[in-house]
Amino acid sequence: MGSDVGNGHEPTWPVGTGSAGRRSVLSLEEELDLTGIRWHWREVYAIGLDDGVWHASPHAEPATVLTAGTADELRSLIRADYTRRTAKPAPLLGERMST
């Protein structure tokens, strides 16, 4: 099993890329959390962990970066962001809802 770091693909195993491009070693818990979040959200978000900062950027809007101090916090931010992005606008007052 190898890493695809540097060729435009996400790594095949979790690797941080700390400051100045240095690769950082993740704890087992961080690896499991990062792998789990990527598994659930990889088609919609680019997700990473660098220097203790969890981050995700929606592929549709890469300039937007969600940051968190923990994996659970990032999961919550991703869920809220995804919900906001996919929510249908509520009908205006007086409009009929289609069924």
PDB file of N, CA and C in Angstrom:
ATOM      1  N   MET A   1       0.844  -1.173   0.000  1.00  0.00           N
ATOM      2  CA  MET A   1       0.000   0.000   0.000  1.00  0.00           C
ATOM      3  C   MET A   1       0.889   1.236   0.000  1.00  0.00           C
ATOM      4  N   GLY A   2       0.627   2.168  -0.884  1.00  0.00           N
ATOM      5  CA  GLY A   2       1.464   3.349  -0.955  1.00  0.00           C
ATOM      6  C   GLY A   2       0.656   4.610  -0.893  1.00  0.00           C
ATOM      7  N   SER A   3       1.354   5.708  -0.941  1.00  0.00           N
ATOM      8  CA  SER A   3       0.692   6.998  -0.895  1.00  0.00           C
ATOM      9  C   SER A   3       0.722   7.640  -2.278  1.00  0.00           C
ATOM     10  N   ASP A   4      -0.340   8.344  -2.609  1.00  0.00           N
ATOM     11  CA  ASP A   4      -0.410   9.062  -3.874  1.00  0.00           C
ATOM     12  C   ASP A   4      -0.118  10.542  -3.673  1.00  0.00           C
ATOM     13  N   VAL A   5       0.489  10.901  -2.559  1.00  0.00           N
ATOM     14  CA  VAL A   5       0.756  12.297  -2.265  1.00  0.00           C
ATOM     15  C   VAL A   5       1.632  12.884  -3.365  1.00  0.00           C
ATOM     16  N   GLY A   6       1.248  14.040  -3.847  1.00  0.00           N
ATOM     17  CA  GLY A   6       2.049  14.742  -4.824  1.00  0.00           C
ATOM     18  C   GLY A   6       1.612  14.544  -6.262  1.00  0.00           C
ATOM     19  N   ASN A   7       0.732  13.581  -6.533  1.00  0.00           N
ATOM     20  CA  ASN A   7       0.318  13.396  -7.925  1.00  0.00           C
ATOM     21  C   ASN A   7      -1.123  13.821  -8.153  1.00  0.00           C
ATOM     22  N   GLY A   8      -1.682  14.622  -7.246  1.00  0.00           N
ATOM     23  CA  GLY A   8      -3.025  15.141  -7.425  1.00  0.00           C
ATOM     24  C   GLY A   8      -4.127  14.282  -6.840  1.00  0.00           C
ATOM     25  N   HIS A   9      -3.782  13.146  -6.255  1.00  0.00           N
ATOM     26  CA  HIS A   9      -4.775  12.274  -5.639  1.00  0.00           C
ATOM     27  C   HIS A   9      -4.635  12.339  -4.134  1.00  0.00           C
ATOM     28  N   GLU A  10      -5.739  12.049  -3.434  1.00  0.00           N
ATOM     29  CA  GLU A  10      -5.647  11.983  -1.985  1.00  0.00           C
ATOM     30  C   GLU A  10      -4.822  10.758  -1.622  1.00  0.00           C
ATOM     31  N   PRO A  11      -4.111  10.795  -0.489  1.00  0.00           N
ATOM     32  CA  PRO A  11      -3.307   9.652  -0.088  1.00  0.00           C
ATOM     33  C   PRO A  11      -4.171   8.411   0.109  1.00  0.00           C
ATOM     34  N   THR A  12      -3.570   7.247  -0.108  1.00  0.00           N
ATOM     35  CA  THR A  12      -4.296   6.007   0.123  1.00  0.00           C
ATOM     36  C   THR A  12      -4.296   5.660   1.607  1.00  0.00           C
ATOM     37  N   TRP A  13      -3.479   6.310   2.401  1.00  0.00           N
ATOM     38  CA  TRP A  13      -3.570   6.230   3.838  1.00  0.00           C
ATOM     39  C   TRP A  13      -3.399   7.646   4.366  1.00  0.00           C
ATOM     40  N   PRO A  14      -3.938   7.907   5.571  1.00  0.00           N
ATOM     41  CA  PRO A  14      -3.921   9.286   6.077  1.00  0.00           C
ATOM     42  C   PRO A  14      -2.516   9.810   6.348  1.00  0.00           C
ATOM     43  N   VAL A  15      -2.211  10.923   5.774  1.00  0.00           N
ATOM     44  CA  VAL A  15      -0.932  11.587   6.001  1.00  0.00           C
ATOM     45  C   VAL A  15      -1.208  13.071   6.109  1.00  0.00           C
ATOM     46  N   GLY A  16      -0.665  13.699   7.130  1.00  0.00           N
ATOM     47  CA  GLY A  16      -0.766  15.143   7.241  1.00  0.00           C
ATOM     48  C   GLY A  16       0.371  15.765   6.445  1.00  0.00           C
ATOM     49  N   THR A  17       0.243  17.008   6.101  1.00  0.00           N
ATOM     50  CA  THR A  17       1.310  17.696   5.377  1.00  0.00           C
ATOM     51  C   THR A  17       1.618  18.988   6.110  1.00  0.00           C
ATOM     52  N   GLY A  18       2.162  18.869   7.283  1.00  0.00           N
ATOM     53  CA  GLY A  18       2.412  20.004   8.154  1.00  0.00           C
ATOM     54  C   GLY A  18       3.033  21.210   7.474  1.00  0.00           C
ATOM     55  N   SER A  19       3.457  22.168   8.245  1.00  0.00           N
ATOM     56  CA  SER A  19       3.995  23.406   7.701  1.00  0.00           C
ATOM     57  C   SER A  19       5.194  23.128   6.800  1.00  0.00           C
ATOM     58  N   ALA A  20       5.354  23.950   5.821  1.00  0.00           N
ATOM     59  CA  ALA A  20       6.447  23.865   4.845  1.00  0.00           C
ATOM     60  C   ALA A  20       6.418  22.550   4.069  1.00  0.00           C
ATOM     61  N   GLY A  21       5.240  21.927   3.966  1.00  0.00           N
ATOM     62  CA  GLY A  21       5.105  20.718   3.174  1.00  0.00           C
ATOM     63  C   GLY A  21       5.653  19.464   3.822  1.00  0.00           C
ATOM     64  N   ARG A  22       6.097  19.557   5.076  1.00  0.00           N
ATOM     65  CA  ARG A  22       6.603  18.370   5.763  1.00  0.00           C
ATOM     66  C   ARG A  22       5.457  17.424   6.053  1.00  0.00           C
ATOM     67  N   ARG A  23       5.701  16.137   5.883  1.00  0.00           N
ATOM     68  CA  ARG A  23       4.685  15.147   6.202  1.00  0.00           C
ATOM     69  C   ARG A  23       4.718  14.892   7.698  1.00  0.00           C
ATOM     70  N   SER A  24       3.543  14.858   8.316  1.00  0.00           N
ATOM     71  CA  SER A  24       3.476  14.603   9.748  1.00  0.00           C
ATOM     72  C   SER A  24       2.850  13.238   9.983  1.00  0.00           C
ATOM     73  N   VAL A  25       3.266  12.589  11.036  1.00  0.00           N
ATOM     74  CA  VAL A  25       2.754  11.274  11.385  1.00  0.00           C
ATOM     75  C   VAL A  25       1.506  11.464  12.245  1.00  0.00           C
ATOM     76  N   LEU A  26       0.457  10.724  11.917  1.00  0.00           N
ATOM     77  CA  LEU A  26      -0.798  10.824  12.640  1.00  0.00           C
ATOM     78  C   LEU A  26      -0.914   9.693  13.648  1.00  0.00           C
ATOM     79  N   SER A  27      -1.622   9.961  14.734  1.00  0.00           N
ATOM     80  CA  SER A  27      -1.900   8.905  15.704  1.00  0.00           C
ATOM     81  C   SER A  27      -2.895   7.931  15.090  1.00  0.00           C
ATOM     82  N   LEU A  28      -3.029   6.757  15.670  1.00  0.00           N
ATOM     83  CA  LEU A  28      -3.981   5.769  15.168  1.00  0.00           C
ATOM     84  C   LEU A  28      -5.396   6.331  15.190  1.00  0.00           C
ATOM     85  N   GLU A  29      -5.753   7.031  16.262  1.00  0.00           N
ATOM     86  CA  GLU A  29      -7.093   7.626  16.360  1.00  0.00           C
ATOM     87  C   GLU A  29      -7.314   8.647  15.247  1.00  0.00           C
ATOM     88  N   GLU A  30      -6.304   9.487  14.992  1.00  0.00           N
ATOM     89  CA  GLU A  30      -6.418  10.477  13.920  1.00  0.00           C
ATOM     90  C   GLU A  30      -6.551   9.790  12.558  1.00  0.00           C
ATOM     91  N   GLU A  31      -5.769   8.739  12.335  1.00  0.00           N
ATOM     92  CA  GLU A  31      -5.852   7.991  11.075  1.00  0.00           C
ATOM     93  C   GLU A  31      -7.246   7.424  10.864  1.00  0.00           C
ATOM     94  N   LEU A  32      -7.799   6.815  11.927  1.00  0.00           N
ATOM     95  CA  LEU A  32      -9.129   6.225  11.827  1.00  0.00           C
ATOM     96  C   LEU A  32     -10.193   7.288  11.578  1.00  0.00           C
ATOM     97  N   ASP A  33     -10.108   8.387  12.312  1.00  0.00           N
ATOM     98  CA  ASP A  33     -11.071   9.481  12.120  1.00  0.00           C
ATOM     99  C   ASP A  33     -10.966  10.069  10.714  1.00  0.00           C
ATOM    100  N   LEU A  34      -9.747  10.330  10.254  1.00  0.00           N
ATOM    101  CA  LEU A  34      -9.543  10.914   8.934  1.00  0.00           C
ATOM    102  C   LEU A  34     -10.039   9.964   7.837  1.00  0.00           C
ATOM    103  N   THR A  35      -9.726   8.691   7.976  1.00  0.00           N
ATOM    104  CA  THR A  35     -10.189   7.704   7.003  1.00  0.00           C
ATOM    105  C   THR A  35     -11.711   7.633   6.978  1.00  0.00           C
ATOM    106  N   GLY A  36     -12.332   7.656   8.154  1.00  0.00           N
ATOM    107  CA  GLY A  36     -13.795   7.599   8.232  1.00  0.00           C
ATOM    108  C   GLY A  36     -14.458   8.806   7.609  1.00  0.00           C
ATOM    109  N   ILE A  37     -13.951   9.991   7.912  1.00  0.00           N
ATOM    110  CA  ILE A  37     -14.539  11.216   7.347  1.00  0.00           C
ATOM    111  C   ILE A  37     -14.356  11.232   5.833  1.00  0.00           C
ATOM    112  N   ARG A  38     -13.164  10.870   5.383  1.00  0.00           N
ATOM    113  CA  ARG A  38     -12.929  10.838   3.934  1.00  0.00           C
ATOM    114  C   ARG A  38     -13.823   9.810   3.255  1.00  0.00           C
ATOM    115  N   TRP A  39     -14.016   8.664   3.871  1.00  0.00           N
ATOM    116  CA  TRP A  39     -14.853   7.623   3.281  1.00  0.00           C
ATOM    117  C   TRP A  39     -16.275   8.133   3.059  1.00  0.00           C
ATOM    118  N   HIS A  40     -16.802   8.851   4.051  1.00  0.00           N
ATOM    119  CA  HIS A  40     -18.177   9.353   3.960  1.00  0.00           C
ATOM    120  C   HIS A  40     -18.326  10.554   3.038  1.00  0.00           C
ATOM    121  N   TRP A  41     -17.313  11.410   2.965  1.00  0.00           N
ATOM    122  CA  TRP A  41     -17.477  12.707   2.308  1.00  0.00           C
ATOM    123  C   TRP A  41     -16.533  12.973   1.143  1.00  0.00           C
ATOM    124  N   ARG A  42     -15.684  12.046   0.759  1.00  0.00           N
ATOM    125  CA  ARG A  42     -14.640  12.303  -0.240  1.00  0.00           C
ATOM    126  C   ARG A  42     -15.163  12.744  -1.605  1.00  0.00           C
ATOM    127  N   GLU A  43     -16.364  12.353  -1.964  1.00  0.00           N
ATOM    128  CA  GLU A  43     -16.887  12.748  -3.269  1.00  0.00           C
ATOM    129  C   GLU A  43     -17.359  14.200  -3.299  1.00  0.00           C
ATOM    130  N   VAL A  44     -17.518  14.795  -2.110  1.00  0.00           N
ATOM    131  CA  VAL A  44     -18.038  16.158  -2.033  1.00  0.00           C
ATOM    132  C   VAL A  44     -17.007  17.132  -1.459  1.00  0.00           C
ATOM    133  N   TYR A  45     -16.098  16.643  -0.614  1.00  0.00           N
ATOM    134  CA  TYR A  45     -15.132  17.494   0.082  1.00  0.00           C
ATOM    135  C   TYR A  45     -13.712  16.941  -0.025  1.00  0.00           C
ATOM    136  N   ALA A  46     -12.732  17.830  -0.089  1.00  0.00           N
ATOM    137  CA  ALA A  46     -11.326  17.486   0.103  1.00  0.00           C
ATOM    138  C   ALA A  46     -11.067  17.652   1.596  1.00  0.00           C
ATOM    139  N   ILE A  47     -10.563  16.622   2.248  1.00  0.00           N
ATOM    140  CA  ILE A  47     -10.468  16.609   3.708  1.00  0.00           C
ATOM    141  C   ILE A  47      -9.040  16.304   4.128  1.00  0.00           C
ATOM    142  N   GLY A  48      -8.568  17.011   5.161  1.00  0.00           N
ATOM    143  CA  GLY A  48      -7.214  16.773   5.641  1.00  0.00           C
ATOM    144  C   GLY A  48      -7.041  17.137   7.098  1.00  0.00           C
ATOM    145  N   LEU A  49      -5.862  16.829   7.598  1.00  0.00           N
ATOM    146  CA  LEU A  49      -5.465  17.159   8.963  1.00  0.00           C
ATOM    147  C   LEU A  49      -4.016  17.598   8.904  1.00  0.00           C
ATOM    148  N   ASP A  50      -3.768  18.863   9.201  1.00  0.00           N
ATOM    149  CA  ASP A  50      -2.425  19.419   9.149  1.00  0.00           C
ATOM    150  C   ASP A  50      -2.121  20.184  10.423  1.00  0.00           C
ATOM    151  N   ASP A  51      -1.028  19.813  11.055  1.00  0.00           N
ATOM    152  CA  ASP A  51      -0.597  20.489  12.289  1.00  0.00           C
ATOM    153  C   ASP A  51      -1.715  20.602  13.312  1.00  0.00           C
ATOM    154  N   GLY A  52      -2.517  19.547  13.446  1.00  0.00           N
ATOM    155  CA  GLY A  52      -3.587  19.524  14.433  1.00  0.00           C
ATOM    156  C   GLY A  52      -4.863  20.231  14.020  1.00  0.00           C
ATOM    157  N   VAL A  53      -4.908  20.766  12.815  1.00  0.00           N
ATOM    158  CA  VAL A  53      -6.099  21.462  12.325  1.00  0.00           C
ATOM    159  C   VAL A  53      -6.797  20.577  11.294  1.00  0.00           C
ATOM    160  N   TRP A  54      -8.036  20.218  11.589  1.00  0.00           N
ATOM    161  CA  TRP A  54      -8.866  19.443  10.670  1.00  0.00           C
ATOM    162  C   TRP A  54      -9.481  20.419   9.676  1.00  0.00           C
ATOM    163  N   HIS A  55      -9.497  20.060   8.386  1.00  0.00           N
ATOM    164  CA  HIS A  55     -10.050  20.986   7.396  1.00  0.00           C
ATOM    165  C   HIS A  55     -10.744  20.228   6.266  1.00  0.00           C
ATOM    166  N   ALA A  56     -11.712  20.907   5.662  1.00  0.00           N
ATOM    167  CA  ALA A  56     -12.458  20.359   4.531  1.00  0.00           C
ATOM    168  C   ALA A  56     -12.841  21.500   3.606  1.00  0.00           C
ATOM    169  N   SER A  57     -12.743  21.233   2.307  1.00  0.00           N
ATOM    170  CA  SER A  57     -13.153  22.205   1.288  1.00  0.00           C
ATOM    171  C   SER A  57     -14.088  21.505   0.320  1.00  0.00           C
ATOM    172  N   PRO A  58     -15.251  22.087   0.085  1.00  0.00           N
ATOM    173  CA  PRO A  58     -16.157  21.475  -0.897  1.00  0.00           C
ATOM    174  C   PRO A  58     -15.537  21.537  -2.290  1.00  0.00           C
ATOM    175  N   HIS A  59     -15.613  20.436  -3.017  1.00  0.00           N
ATOM    176  CA  HIS A  59     -15.074  20.411  -4.381  1.00  0.00           C
ATOM    177  C   HIS A  59     -15.741  21.471  -5.254  1.00  0.00           C
ATOM    178  N   ALA A  60     -17.015  21.751  -4.995  1.00  0.00           N
ATOM    179  CA  ALA A  60     -17.754  22.728  -5.798  1.00  0.00           C
ATOM    180  C   ALA A  60     -17.323  24.165  -5.512  1.00  0.00           C
ATOM    181  N   GLU A  61     -16.657  24.387  -4.385  1.00  0.00           N
ATOM    182  CA  GLU A  61     -16.239  25.735  -3.993  1.00  0.00           C
ATOM    183  C   GLU A  61     -14.933  25.644  -3.202  1.00  0.00           C
ATOM    184  N   PRO A  62     -13.819  25.319  -3.870  1.00  0.00           N
ATOM    185  CA  PRO A  62     -12.565  25.054  -3.174  1.00  0.00           C
ATOM    186  C   PRO A  62     -12.000  26.219  -2.363  1.00  0.00           C
ATOM    187  N   ALA A  63     -12.436  27.429  -2.630  1.00  0.00           N
ATOM    188  CA  ALA A  63     -11.955  28.578  -1.848  1.00  0.00           C
ATOM    189  C   ALA A  63     -12.556  28.583  -0.438  1.00  0.00           C
ATOM    190  N   THR A  64     -13.633  27.841  -0.239  1.00  0.00           N
ATOM    191  CA  THR A  64     -14.252  27.732   1.081  1.00  0.00           C
ATOM    192  C   THR A  64     -13.533  26.647   1.873  1.00  0.00           C
ATOM    193  N   VAL A  65     -13.060  27.001   3.069  1.00  0.00           N
ATOM    194  CA  VAL A  65     -12.360  26.033   3.903  1.00  0.00           C
ATOM    195  C   VAL A  65     -13.028  25.991   5.268  1.00  0.00           C
ATOM    196  N   LEU A  66     -13.492  24.799   5.647  1.00  0.00           N
ATOM    197  CA  LEU A  66     -14.040  24.579   6.980  1.00  0.00           C
ATOM    198  C   LEU A  66     -12.890  24.088   7.849  1.00  0.00           C
ATOM    199  N   THR A  67     -12.693  24.683   9.025  1.00  0.00           N
ATOM    200  CA  THR A  67     -11.620  24.244   9.912  1.00  0.00           C
ATOM    201  C   THR A  67     -12.177  23.920  11.287  1.00  0.00           C
ATOM    202  N   ALA A  68     -11.519  22.954  11.937  1.00  0.00           N
ATOM    203  CA  ALA A  68     -11.974  22.511  13.250  1.00  0.00           C
ATOM    204  C   ALA A  68     -10.790  22.011  14.067  1.00  0.00           C
ATOM    205  N   GLY A  69     -10.993  21.956  15.368  1.00  0.00           N
ATOM    206  CA  GLY A  69      -9.960  21.464  16.271  1.00  0.00           C
ATOM    207  C   GLY A  69     -10.023  19.965  16.506  1.00  0.00           C
ATOM    208  N   THR A  70     -11.159  19.344  16.172  1.00  0.00           N
ATOM    209  CA  THR A  70     -11.320  17.903  16.375  1.00  0.00           C
ATOM    210  C   THR A  70     -12.045  17.290  15.177  1.00  0.00           C
ATOM    211  N   ALA A  71     -11.942  15.972  15.061  1.00  0.00           N
ATOM    212  CA  ALA A  71     -12.642  15.255  13.989  1.00  0.00           C
ATOM    213  C   ALA A  71     -14.148  15.402  14.146  1.00  0.00           C
ATOM    214  N   ASP A  72     -14.653  15.282  15.363  1.00  0.00           N
ATOM    215  CA  ASP A  72     -16.099  15.414  15.584  1.00  0.00           C
ATOM    216  C   ASP A  72     -16.600  16.801  15.208  1.00  0.00           C
ATOM    217  N   GLU A  73     -15.826  17.804  15.529  1.00  0.00           N
ATOM    218  CA  GLU A  73     -16.195  19.178  15.173  1.00  0.00           C
ATOM    219  C   GLU A  73     -16.229  19.340  13.647  1.00  0.00           C
ATOM    220  N   LEU A  74     -15.248  18.754  12.945  1.00  0.00           N
ATOM    221  CA  LEU A  74     -15.244  18.845  11.484  1.00  0.00           C
ATOM    222  C   LEU A  74     -16.448  18.109  10.897  1.00  0.00           C
ATOM    223  N   ARG A  75     -16.777  16.941  11.437  1.00  0.00           N
ATOM    224  CA  ARG A  75     -17.961  16.213  10.957  1.00  0.00           C
ATOM    225  C   ARG A  75     -19.206  17.089  11.071  1.00  0.00           C
ATOM    226  N   SER A  76     -19.358  17.751  12.194  1.00  0.00           N
ATOM    227  CA  SER A  76     -20.519  18.625  12.404  1.00  0.00           C
ATOM    228  C   SER A  76     -20.533  19.783  11.408  1.00  0.00           C
ATOM    229  N   LEU A  77     -19.369  20.385  11.176  1.00  0.00           N
ATOM    230  CA  LEU A  77     -19.283  21.491  10.222  1.00  0.00           C
ATOM    231  C   LEU A  77     -19.614  21.022   8.803  1.00  0.00           C
ATOM    232  N   ILE A  78     -19.116  19.844   8.436  1.00  0.00           N
ATOM    233  CA  ILE A  78     -19.391  19.310   7.098  1.00  0.00           C
ATOM    234  C   ILE A  78     -20.882  19.039   6.941  1.00  0.00           C
ATOM    235  N   ARG A  79     -21.484  18.391   7.937  1.00  0.00           N
ATOM    236  CA  ARG A  79     -22.930  18.100   7.856  1.00  0.00           C
ATOM    237  C   ARG A  79     -23.736  19.384   7.691  1.00  0.00           C
ATOM    238  N   ALA A  80     -23.418  20.392   8.494  1.00  0.00           N
ATOM    239  CA  ALA A  80     -24.151  21.659   8.422  1.00  0.00           C
ATOM    240  C   ALA A  80     -23.933  22.336   7.069  1.00  0.00           C
ATOM    241  N   ASP A  81     -22.690  22.329   6.588  1.00  0.00           N
ATOM    242  CA  ASP A  81     -22.390  22.948   5.292  1.00  0.00           C
ATOM    243  C   ASP A  81     -23.091  22.199   4.173  1.00  0.00           C
ATOM    244  N   TYR A  82     -23.051  20.891   4.194  1.00  0.00           N
ATOM    245  CA  TYR A  82     -23.696  20.088   3.155  1.00  0.00           C
ATOM    246  C   TYR A  82     -25.208  20.299   3.167  1.00  0.00           C
ATOM    247  N   THR A  83     -25.786  20.343   4.358  1.00  0.00           N
ATOM    248  CA  THR A  83     -27.227  20.579   4.491  1.00  0.00           C
ATOM    249  C   THR A  83     -27.593  21.936   3.902  1.00  0.00           C
ATOM    250  N   ARG A  84     -26.795  22.939   4.222  1.00  0.00           N
ATOM    251  CA  ARG A  84     -27.045  24.285   3.695  1.00  0.00           C
ATOM    252  C   ARG A  84     -26.939  24.307   2.169  1.00  0.00           C
ATOM    253  N   ARG A  85     -25.940  23.621   1.636  1.00  0.00           N
ATOM    254  CA  ARG A  85     -25.713  23.625   0.185  1.00  0.00           C
ATOM    255  C   ARG A  85     -26.791  22.862  -0.582  1.00  0.00           C
ATOM    256  N   THR A  86     -27.377  21.859   0.040  1.00  0.00           N
ATOM    257  CA  THR A  86     -28.342  21.018  -0.672  1.00  0.00           C
ATOM    258  C   THR A  86     -29.791  21.311  -0.310  1.00  0.00           C
ATOM    259  N   ALA A  87     -30.009  22.234   0.634  1.00  0.00           N
ATOM    260  CA  ALA A  87     -31.384  22.556   1.058  1.00  0.00           C
ATOM    261  C   ALA A  87     -32.134  23.273  -0.059  1.00  0.00           C
ATOM    262  N   LYS A  88     -33.375  22.907  -0.208  1.00  0.00           N
ATOM    263  CA  LYS A  88     -34.238  23.596  -1.168  1.00  0.00           C
ATOM    264  C   LYS A  88     -34.825  24.817  -0.470  1.00  0.00           C
ATOM    265  N   PRO A  89     -34.932  25.932  -1.168  1.00  0.00           N
ATOM    266  CA  PRO A  89     -35.509  27.120  -0.530  1.00  0.00           C
ATOM    267  C   PRO A  89     -36.975  26.877  -0.163  1.00  0.00           C
ATOM    268  N   ALA A  90     -37.366  27.441   0.951  1.00  0.00           N
ATOM    269  CA  ALA A  90     -38.759  27.315   1.399  1.00  0.00           C
ATOM    270  C   ALA A  90     -39.655  28.113   0.459  1.00  0.00           C
ATOM    271  N   PRO A  91     -40.868  27.634   0.246  1.00  0.00           N
ATOM    272  CA  PRO A  91     -41.788  28.390  -0.618  1.00  0.00           C
ATOM    273  C   PRO A  91     -42.115  29.739   0.020  1.00  0.00           C
ATOM    274  N   LEU A  92     -42.332  30.721  -0.826  1.00  0.00           N
ATOM    275  CA  LEU A  92     -42.713  32.040  -0.340  1.00  0.00           C
ATOM    276  C   LEU A  92     -44.124  31.991   0.221  1.00  0.00           C
ATOM    277  N   LEU A  93     -44.413  32.894   1.121  1.00  0.00           N
ATOM    278  CA  LEU A  93     -45.736  32.974   1.713  1.00  0.00           C
ATOM    279  C   LEU A  93     -46.790  33.097   0.618  1.00  0.00           C
ATOM    280  N   GLY A  94     -47.784  32.245   0.659  1.00  0.00           N
ATOM    281  CA  GLY A  94     -48.827  32.267  -0.335  1.00  0.00           C
ATOM    282  C   GLY A  94     -48.608  31.324  -1.503  1.00  0.00           C
ATOM    283  N   GLU A  95     -47.366  30.799  -1.671  1.00  0.00           N
ATOM    284  CA  GLU A  95     -47.111  29.860  -2.744  1.00  0.00           C
ATOM    285  C   GLU A  95     -47.566  28.472  -2.339  1.00  0.00           C
ATOM    286  N   ARG A  96     -47.982  27.716  -3.306  1.00  0.00           N
ATOM    287  CA  ARG A  96     -48.390  26.348  -3.029  1.00  0.00           C
ATOM    288  C   ARG A  96     -47.180  25.446  -3.144  1.00  0.00           C
ATOM    289  N   MET A  97     -47.091  24.485  -2.256  1.00  0.00           N
ATOM    290  CA  MET A  97     -46.018  23.487  -2.335  1.00  0.00           C
ATOM    291  C   MET A  97     -46.482  22.394  -3.280  1.00  0.00           C
ATOM    292  N   SER A  98     -45.633  21.961  -4.161  1.00  0.00           N
ATOM    293  CA  SER A  98     -45.987  20.866  -5.061  1.00  0.00           C
ATOM    294  C   SER A  98     -45.910  19.548  -4.298  1.00  0.00           C
ATOM    295  N   THR A  99     -46.747  18.613  -4.689  1.00  0.00           N
ATOM    296  CA  THR A  99     -46.750  17.316  -4.028  1.00  0.00           C
ATOM    297  C   THR A  99     -46.456  16.216  -5.009  1.00  0.00           C
TER     298      THR A  99
END
